[in-house]
Amino acid sequence: GERGGAAVGFDTGVLVDAVERQVGIETLAGPGTPLCAVTEPTETATAAAFAHTAVLAGRPGNAAPLAEAGRLFGRLAHLLDAVEDRESDAAAGAWNPLTATGTPLTEARRLADDALHGIRLALRDMELVDGRLAHLLLAHELERSVDRAFGTQSCGHAHAPEGAFGPPTGPYAPQGPVDPQAPGNPYAPGSPHGGNPFGGEPPRPGKRGFWAGCAVALGLCCTCQACCADEFEGPWSRKKREGWCRDGCDGCDCCCDGCQCCECCECCSCDC
């Protein structure tokens, strides 16, 4: 990681420092500790990584809004991981920031919504040659990820295809009746949630950790695979996804009045 960072002029020391501080912060955290105190190292690390893309692009004026978007992206990544792992962490006796700080889900959702709003505002302050993919990823894909994690739906995303962060797990997984023989059903006999819907194929590798997933996500964004490829692997969940614009405008169903959810498909427009 240090060699890779040095090759593009990025000092990875801020990332190492964040990892080291996280351990101490979690050790001291308890009921009443602000949740943002626990997510701060992640926010600091992602802010630095996002801001450096302004240097790479030769647009130093974008550093401040990119840092803000990165900080809030880090908060969201940490929050959503905590929400989705809350039940499994409790069963395993593992440390979870929501449980440790006594933070209710309502407060976690408020923080997530505030982060989403802040990222949208930061995007408006950036001067991008083509901001369609950044808008799709940081405005709309993140919103869908929050909705999935908290078991809600909003805007025109209710029927949107599953995004790069993967489906909700734990208490927020779908609870409705399912056909045990349905192709791809995650609850069929033999699948990771009770059965294998893939006809006896060996199970896929487990989810990537936060940092490894971030590295893969950056690669998907930089190569436009998430947007244009027929299929790509979710950076954190490792589940197979269809490229968001694979079918052109006919494949986009996330547009709503006054909302530019499908910019990369060029099938609607707005300034959100």
Protein backbone atom coordinates (compact mmCIF):
# COMPACT_ATOMS: atom_id res chain seq x y z
CA GLY A 1 0.00 0.00 0.00
CA GLU A 2 2.82 2.41 0.83
CA ARG A 3 4.52 1.66 -2.50
CA GLY A 4 1.26 2.20 -4.39
CA GLY A 5 0.59 5.45 -2.57
CA ALA A 6 4.11 6.72 -3.18
CA ALA A 7 3.73 6.00 -6.90
CA VAL A 8 0.87 8.51 -7.11
CA GLY A 9 2.23 10.95 -4.53
CA PHE A 10 -0.12 9.93 -1.72
CA ASP A 11 1.15 9.69 1.86
CA THR A 12 -0.47 6.57 3.29
CA GLY A 13 0.58 7.54 6.81
CA VAL A 14 -2.87 9.02 7.44
CA LEU A 15 -4.41 5.60 6.73
CA VAL A 16 -2.01 3.77 9.05
CA ASP A 17 -2.65 6.34 11.77
CA ALA A 18 -6.42 5.89 11.37
CA VAL A 19 -6.17 2.13 11.81
CA GLU A 20 -4.00 2.50 14.90
CA ARG A 21 -6.30 5.11 16.49
CA GLN A 22 -9.42 3.05 15.78
CA VAL A 23 -8.36 0.34 18.24
CA GLY A 24 -7.92 2.79 21.09
CA ILE A 25 -11.16 4.61 20.33
CA GLU A 26 -13.14 1.36 20.36
CA THR A 27 -11.50 0.32 23.63
CA LEU A 28 -12.58 3.54 25.35
CA ALA A 29 -16.05 3.81 23.77
CA GLY A 30 -19.08 3.03 25.89
CA PRO A 31 -22.71 4.02 26.44
CA GLY A 32 -23.09 7.70 25.63
CA THR A 33 -19.99 7.96 23.43
CA PRO A 34 -20.97 9.91 20.28
CA LEU A 35 -21.11 7.55 17.35
CA CYS A 36 -19.18 10.04 15.21
CA ALA A 37 -16.26 9.72 17.63
CA VAL A 38 -16.06 6.05 16.69
CA THR A 39 -16.38 6.66 12.94
CA GLU A 40 -13.84 9.54 12.93
CA PRO A 41 -10.74 7.51 11.92
CA THR A 42 -12.60 6.03 8.96
CA GLU A 43 -13.85 9.49 7.99
CA THR A 44 -10.34 10.94 8.18
CA ALA A 45 -8.85 8.18 6.05
CA THR A 46 -11.48 8.31 3.31
CA ALA A 47 -11.37 12.12 3.27
CA ALA A 48 -7.63 11.99 2.54
CA ALA A 49 -8.06 9.39 -0.20
CA PHE A 50 -10.88 11.30 -1.90
CA ALA A 51 -9.04 14.63 -1.68
CA HIS A 52 -5.95 13.21 -3.37
CA THR A 53 -7.96 12.44 -6.50
CA ALA A 54 -8.12 16.23 -7.02
CA VAL A 55 -4.32 16.24 -7.12
CA LEU A 56 -4.27 13.35 -9.59
CA ALA A 57 -6.80 15.11 -11.82
CA GLY A 58 -4.91 18.40 -11.72
CA ARG A 59 -7.89 20.17 -10.15
CA PRO A 60 -6.74 21.34 -6.71
CA GLY A 61 -9.89 23.43 -6.31
CA ASN A 62 -11.85 20.20 -5.91
CA ALA A 63 -9.78 19.02 -2.94
CA ALA A 64 -12.00 20.57 -0.24
CA PRO A 65 -15.38 19.29 -1.52
CA LEU A 66 -13.83 15.91 -2.31
CA ALA A 67 -12.45 15.70 1.22
CA GLU A 68 -15.91 16.48 2.62
CA ALA A 69 -17.56 13.89 0.36
CA GLY A 70 -14.91 11.36 1.36
CA ARG A 71 -15.33 12.08 5.07
CA LEU A 72 -19.07 11.51 4.87
CA PHE A 73 -18.60 8.45 2.65
CA GLY A 74 -16.39 6.98 5.37
CA ARG A 75 -19.05 7.72 7.97
CA LEU A 76 -21.67 5.98 5.85
CA ALA A 77 -19.50 2.94 5.19
CA HIS A 78 -18.85 2.55 8.91
CA LEU A 79 -22.49 3.12 9.86
CA LEU A 80 -23.95 0.72 7.29
CA ASP A 81 -21.50 -1.99 8.25
CA ALA A 82 -22.51 -1.56 11.89
CA VAL A 83 -26.22 -1.68 11.08
CA GLU A 84 -25.99 -4.74 8.85
CA ASP A 85 -23.72 -6.64 11.28
CA ARG A 86 -25.59 -5.70 14.45
CA GLU A 87 -27.39 -9.01 14.90
CA SER A 88 -24.50 -11.26 13.85
CA ASP A 89 -22.09 -9.31 16.06
CA ALA A 90 -24.42 -9.76 19.02
CA ALA A 91 -24.66 -13.50 18.38
CA ALA A 92 -20.88 -13.82 18.11
CA GLY A 93 -20.13 -11.49 21.03
CA ALA A 94 -18.24 -9.20 18.65
CA TRP A 95 -17.79 -5.46 19.18
CA ASN A 96 -20.32 -3.31 17.35
CA PRO A 97 -20.31 0.52 17.52
CA LEU A 98 -24.11 0.80 17.80
CA THR A 99 -24.32 -1.67 20.66
CA ALA A 100 -21.22 -0.39 22.44
CA THR A 101 -22.36 3.25 22.41
CA GLY A 102 -26.03 2.47 22.97
CA THR A 103 -26.96 4.31 19.77
CA PRO A 104 -30.53 3.57 18.59
CA LEU A 105 -31.21 2.85 14.95
CA THR A 106 -33.18 6.11 14.67
CA GLU A 107 -30.06 8.11 15.49
CA ALA A 108 -27.92 5.99 13.14
CA ARG A 109 -30.42 6.66 10.36
CA ARG A 110 -30.37 10.40 11.08
CA LEU A 111 -26.59 10.43 10.80
CA ALA A 112 -26.77 8.44 7.57
CA ASP A 113 -29.32 10.81 6.04
CA ASP A 114 -27.26 13.83 7.09
CA ALA A 115 -24.21 12.27 5.44
CA LEU A 116 -26.12 11.66 2.22
CA HIS A 117 -27.26 15.29 2.16
CA GLY A 118 -23.75 16.53 2.83
CA ILE A 119 -22.32 14.43 -0.02
CA ARG A 120 -24.86 15.88 -2.45
CA LEU A 121 -23.91 19.41 -1.39
CA ALA A 122 -20.22 18.60 -1.80
CA LEU A 123 -20.86 17.24 -5.31
CA ARG A 124 -22.41 20.56 -6.29
CA ASP A 125 -19.22 22.36 -5.26
CA MET A 126 -16.99 20.20 -7.49
CA GLU A 127 -15.93 21.21 -10.97
CA LEU A 128 -15.92 17.93 -12.89
CA VAL A 129 -15.36 17.41 -16.61
CA ASP A 130 -18.01 14.68 -16.52
CA GLY A 131 -19.67 14.15 -13.16
CA ARG A 132 -22.25 11.59 -14.22
CA LEU A 133 -20.58 8.51 -12.73
CA ALA A 134 -19.62 10.33 -9.52
CA HIS A 135 -23.23 11.51 -9.18
CA LEU A 136 -24.61 8.03 -9.76
CA LEU A 137 -22.24 6.44 -7.25
CA LEU A 138 -22.14 9.05 -4.49
CA ALA A 139 -25.69 10.41 -4.66
CA HIS A 140 -27.93 7.60 -5.80
CA GLU A 141 -26.11 4.34 -5.20
CA LEU A 142 -25.29 5.42 -1.65
CA GLU A 143 -28.93 6.36 -1.03
CA ARG A 144 -30.03 2.92 -2.17
CA SER A 145 -27.43 1.35 0.14
CA VAL A 146 -28.84 3.28 3.11
CA ASP A 147 -32.39 2.28 2.21
CA ARG A 148 -31.40 -1.38 2.01
CA ALA A 149 -29.49 -1.36 5.28
CA PHE A 150 -32.38 0.23 7.20
CA GLY A 151 -35.07 -1.70 5.36
CA THR A 152 -36.64 1.32 3.68
CA GLN A 153 -37.19 2.61 0.16
CA SER A 154 -37.31 6.11 -1.22
CA CYS A 155 -37.67 8.16 -4.40
CA GLY A 156 -37.65 6.13 -7.60
CA HIS A 157 -35.15 3.60 -6.31
CA ALA A 158 -37.71 1.09 -5.05
CA HIS A 159 -37.33 -1.12 -8.11
CA ALA A 160 -33.71 -0.31 -8.92
CA PRO A 161 -31.32 -3.23 -9.43
CA GLU A 162 -29.24 -4.38 -6.48
CA GLY A 163 -26.21 -2.12 -6.00
CA ALA A 164 -22.55 -2.62 -5.33
CA PHE A 165 -22.81 -2.77 -1.55
CA GLY A 166 -24.93 -5.94 -1.66
CA PRO A 167 -28.24 -6.84 -0.01
CA PRO A 168 -29.01 -6.18 3.65
CA THR A 169 -28.07 -8.81 6.17
CA GLY A 170 -29.05 -9.68 9.73
CA PRO A 171 -32.34 -8.26 11.02
CA TYR A 172 -32.74 -6.14 7.86
CA ALA A 173 -32.71 -9.04 5.39
CA PRO A 174 -36.00 -9.62 3.49
CA GLN A 175 -38.41 -11.64 5.61
CA GLY A 176 -41.20 -12.35 3.11
CA PRO A 177 -42.15 -15.81 1.78
CA VAL A 178 -39.81 -17.14 -0.89
CA ASP A 179 -39.86 -19.97 -3.40
CA PRO A 180 -37.15 -22.42 -2.20
CA GLN A 181 -36.58 -23.58 -5.78
CA ALA A 182 -36.41 -20.13 -7.36
CA PRO A 183 -33.18 -19.54 -9.32
CA GLY A 184 -30.79 -17.39 -7.33
CA ASN A 185 -32.91 -17.58 -4.17
CA PRO A 186 -30.46 -16.93 -1.28
CA TYR A 187 -32.68 -18.91 1.12
CA ALA A 188 -32.85 -22.08 -0.96
CA PRO A 189 -31.39 -25.33 0.50
CA GLY A 190 -27.60 -25.26 0.35
CA SER A 191 -27.24 -21.48 -0.07
CA PRO A 192 -25.32 -19.32 2.44
CA HIS A 193 -28.70 -18.46 4.07
CA GLY A 194 -30.06 -21.99 4.12
CA GLY A 195 -29.24 -23.51 0.76
CA ASN A 196 -27.21 -23.37 -2.44
CA PRO A 197 -29.23 -21.96 -5.37
CA PHE A 198 -26.35 -22.61 -7.74
CA GLY A 199 -26.82 -26.35 -8.21
CA GLY A 200 -24.03 -27.56 -5.95
CA GLU A 201 -21.35 -25.09 -7.01
CA PRO A 202 -18.79 -24.28 -4.31
CA PRO A 203 -19.65 -21.19 -2.25
CA ARG A 204 -18.25 -17.82 -3.24
CA PRO A 205 -15.46 -16.27 -1.16
CA GLY A 206 -16.64 -14.29 1.86
CA LYS A 207 -17.17 -10.54 1.96
CA ARG A 208 -14.13 -8.31 1.66
CA GLY A 209 -13.04 -6.16 4.57
CA PHE A 210 -13.68 -2.42 4.53
CA TRP A 211 -10.27 -1.31 3.19
CA ALA A 212 -10.01 -4.08 0.58
CA GLY A 213 -13.55 -3.24 -0.58
CA CYS A 214 -12.67 0.45 -0.84
CA ALA A 215 -9.69 -0.39 -3.04
CA VAL A 216 -11.83 -2.54 -5.34
CA ALA A 217 -14.59 0.11 -5.44
CA LEU A 218 -12.08 2.75 -6.54
CA GLY A 219 -10.88 0.40 -9.27
CA LEU A 220 -14.43 -0.18 -10.50
CA CYS A 221 -15.08 3.56 -10.59
CA CYS A 222 -11.83 4.48 -12.30
CA THR A 223 -12.35 1.85 -15.03
CA CYS A 224 -16.12 2.52 -15.35
CA GLN A 225 -16.83 -1.19 -14.91
CA ALA A 226 -19.62 -0.52 -12.41
CA CYS A 227 -21.39 1.63 -14.97
CA CYS A 228 -20.65 0.06 -18.34
CA ALA A 229 -19.60 -3.59 -17.85
CA ASP A 230 -22.10 -6.37 -18.52
CA GLU A 231 -21.24 -7.80 -15.09
CA PHE A 232 -18.93 -6.92 -12.21
CA GLU A 233 -18.23 -8.20 -8.71
CA GLY A 234 -19.52 -6.15 -5.78
CA PRO A 235 -16.47 -4.67 -4.00
CA TRP A 236 -17.64 -5.56 -0.49
CA SER A 237 -20.23 -8.32 -0.95
CA ARG A 238 -18.41 -10.04 -3.90
CA LYS A 239 -21.81 -10.79 -5.40
CA LYS A 240 -22.21 -10.51 -9.16
CA ARG A 241 -23.87 -7.30 -10.35
CA GLU A 242 -25.06 -6.12 -13.74
CA GLY A 243 -23.52 -2.89 -15.05
CA TRP A 244 -25.88 -0.04 -14.26
CA CYS A 245 -26.06 1.24 -17.82
CA ARG A 246 -25.67 -2.11 -19.56
CA ASP A 247 -29.07 -1.88 -21.22
CA GLY A 248 -28.93 1.85 -22.00
CA CYS A 249 -31.86 4.09 -21.10
CA ASP A 250 -34.31 1.22 -21.37
CA GLY A 251 -32.49 -0.44 -18.47
CA CYS A 252 -32.77 2.57 -16.16
CA ASP A 253 -35.80 2.64 -13.90
CA CYS A 254 -34.56 4.95 -11.15
CA CYS A 255 -35.69 8.26 -12.67
CA CYS A 256 -38.29 10.37 -10.93
CA ASP A 257 -39.60 13.91 -11.26
CA GLY A 258 -36.83 16.44 -10.79
CA CYS A 259 -34.22 13.76 -10.17
CA GLN A 260 -31.17 12.83 -12.22
CA CYS A 261 -30.79 9.27 -11.05
CA CYS A 262 -29.83 7.99 -14.50
CA GLU A 263 -27.37 10.58 -15.71
CA CYS A 264 -24.98 8.06 -17.21
CA CYS A 265 -27.86 6.68 -19.29
CA GLU A 266 -28.81 10.25 -20.28
CA CYS A 267 -32.50 9.51 -19.86
CA CYS A 268 -33.40 12.35 -17.51
CA SER A 269 -31.84 15.43 -15.99
CA CYS A 270 -31.78 17.64 -12.93
CA ASP A 271 -29.26 19.31 -10.66
CA CYS A 272 -29.57 17.11 -7.56
